[in-house]
């Protein structure tokens, strides 16, 4: 599987990352995911870092934890 943003090959854990709200696979490499989160959250570095640290293993599928 490849990243939908930059077309690089995804690692297994990158290909299993899901959006917590829609439950859809994100299909993004870590670098593109970080840039995407920065764009969504207004480049608030602390918030983006918090989101990345809250990635957890949920039933064998990586999900991004929702923030407050």
C-alpha atoms as a PDB file:
ATOM      1  CA  UNK A   1       0.000   0.000   0.000  1.00  0.00           C
ATOM      2  CA  UNK A   2       1.189   3.537  -0.727  1.00  0.00           C
ATOM      3  CA  UNK A   3       0.720   6.935   0.902  1.00  0.00           C
ATOM      4  CA  UNK A   4      -2.140   8.832  -0.735  1.00  0.00           C
ATOM      5  CA  UNK A   5      -0.197  12.104  -0.443  1.00  0.00           C
ATOM      6  CA  UNK A   6       3.367  11.262  -1.534  1.00  0.00           C
ATOM      7  CA  UNK A   7       3.074   7.740  -2.980  1.00  0.00           C
ATOM      8  CA  UNK A   8       5.782   6.183  -0.755  1.00  0.00           C
ATOM      9  CA  UNK A   9       5.373   2.617   0.469  1.00  0.00           C
ATOM     10  CA  UNK A  10       3.642   2.429   3.849  1.00  0.00           C
ATOM     11  CA  UNK A  11       4.920   0.438   6.793  1.00  0.00           C
ATOM     12  CA  UNK A  12       2.421  -2.048   8.252  1.00  0.00           C
ATOM     13  CA  UNK A  13       1.475   0.197  11.170  1.00  0.00           C
ATOM     14  CA  UNK A  14       1.027   3.199   8.858  1.00  0.00           C
ATOM     15  CA  UNK A  15      -1.377   1.246   6.669  1.00  0.00           C
ATOM     16  CA  UNK A  16      -3.522   0.333   9.716  1.00  0.00           C
ATOM     17  CA  UNK A  17      -3.953   3.896  11.050  1.00  0.00           C
ATOM     18  CA  UNK A  18      -7.632   4.921  11.174  1.00  0.00           C
ATOM     19  CA  UNK A  19      -9.509   8.152  11.738  1.00  0.00           C
ATOM     20  CA  UNK A  20     -11.245   7.946  15.142  1.00  0.00           C
ATOM     21  CA  UNK A  21     -14.448   9.583  13.919  1.00  0.00           C
ATOM     22  CA  UNK A  22     -15.007   7.964  10.521  1.00  0.00           C
ATOM     23  CA  UNK A  23     -13.127   4.701  11.201  1.00  0.00           C
ATOM     24  CA  UNK A  24     -11.678   4.992   7.680  1.00  0.00           C
ATOM     25  CA  UNK A  25      -8.064   4.118   6.983  1.00  0.00           C
ATOM     26  CA  UNK A  26      -5.881   7.209   6.593  1.00  0.00           C
ATOM     27  CA  UNK A  27      -3.352   5.596   4.206  1.00  0.00           C
ATOM     28  CA  UNK A  28      -0.661   8.189   4.953  1.00  0.00           C
ATOM     29  CA  UNK A  29       2.994   7.829   5.877  1.00  0.00           C
ATOM     30  CA  UNK A  30       4.098   9.348   9.182  1.00  0.00           C
ATOM     31  CA  UNK A  31       5.586  12.436   7.558  1.00  0.00           C
ATOM     32  CA  UNK A  32       2.451  13.248   5.557  1.00  0.00           C
ATOM     33  CA  UNK A  33       0.277  12.435   8.566  1.00  0.00           C
ATOM     34  CA  UNK A  34       2.224  14.935  10.682  1.00  0.00           C
ATOM     35  CA  UNK A  35       1.845  17.645   8.032  1.00  0.00           C
ATOM     36  CA  UNK A  36      -1.848  16.869   7.715  1.00  0.00           C
ATOM     37  CA  UNK A  37      -2.391  17.146  11.462  1.00  0.00           C
ATOM     38  CA  UNK A  38      -0.465  20.434  11.538  1.00  0.00           C
ATOM     39  CA  UNK A  39      -2.711  21.821   8.789  1.00  0.00           C
ATOM     40  CA  UNK A  40      -5.900  20.646  10.519  1.00  0.00           C
ATOM     41  CA  UNK A  41      -4.941  22.004  13.917  1.00  0.00           C
ATOM     42  CA  UNK A  42      -3.420  25.268  12.719  1.00  0.00           C
ATOM     43  CA  UNK A  43       0.205  24.147  13.086  1.00  0.00           C
ATOM     44  CA  UNK A  44      -0.160  24.059  16.875  1.00  0.00           C
ATOM     45  CA  UNK A  45       2.934  21.975  17.558  1.00  0.00           C
ATOM     46  CA  UNK A  46       1.901  20.959  21.075  1.00  0.00           C
ATOM     47  CA  UNK A  47      -1.486  19.721  19.922  1.00  0.00           C
ATOM     48  CA  UNK A  48      -0.028  17.838  16.968  1.00  0.00           C
ATOM     49  CA  UNK A  49       2.570  16.199  19.205  1.00  0.00           C
ATOM     50  CA  UNK A  50      -0.177  15.237  21.663  1.00  0.00           C
ATOM     51  CA  UNK A  51      -2.183  13.601  18.887  1.00  0.00           C
ATOM     52  CA  UNK A  52       0.847  11.652  17.720  1.00  0.00           C
ATOM     53  CA  UNK A  53       1.625  10.494  21.254  1.00  0.00           C
ATOM     54  CA  UNK A  54      -1.979   9.344  21.728  1.00  0.00           C
ATOM     55  CA  UNK A  55      -1.818   6.836  18.872  1.00  0.00           C
ATOM     56  CA  UNK A  56      -2.718   3.548  20.463  1.00  0.00           C
ATOM     57  CA  UNK A  57      -3.189  -0.076  19.482  1.00  0.00           C
ATOM     58  CA  UNK A  58      -6.900  -0.862  19.509  1.00  0.00           C
ATOM     59  CA  UNK A  59      -7.754  -4.437  18.647  1.00  0.00           C
ATOM     60  CA  UNK A  60      -4.812  -4.789  16.266  1.00  0.00           C
ATOM     61  CA  UNK A  61      -5.590  -1.555  14.427  1.00  0.00           C
ATOM     62  CA  UNK A  62      -3.812   1.715  15.016  1.00  0.00           C
ATOM     63  CA  UNK A  63      -6.213   4.544  15.749  1.00  0.00           C
ATOM     64  CA  UNK A  64      -5.578   8.187  16.419  1.00  0.00           C
ATOM     65  CA  UNK A  65      -7.034   9.187  19.772  1.00  0.00           C
ATOM     66  CA  UNK A  66      -9.439  12.104  19.783  1.00  0.00           C
ATOM     67  CA  UNK A  67      -8.281  15.310  21.441  1.00  0.00           C
ATOM     68  CA  UNK A  68     -10.257  17.578  23.754  1.00  0.00           C
END
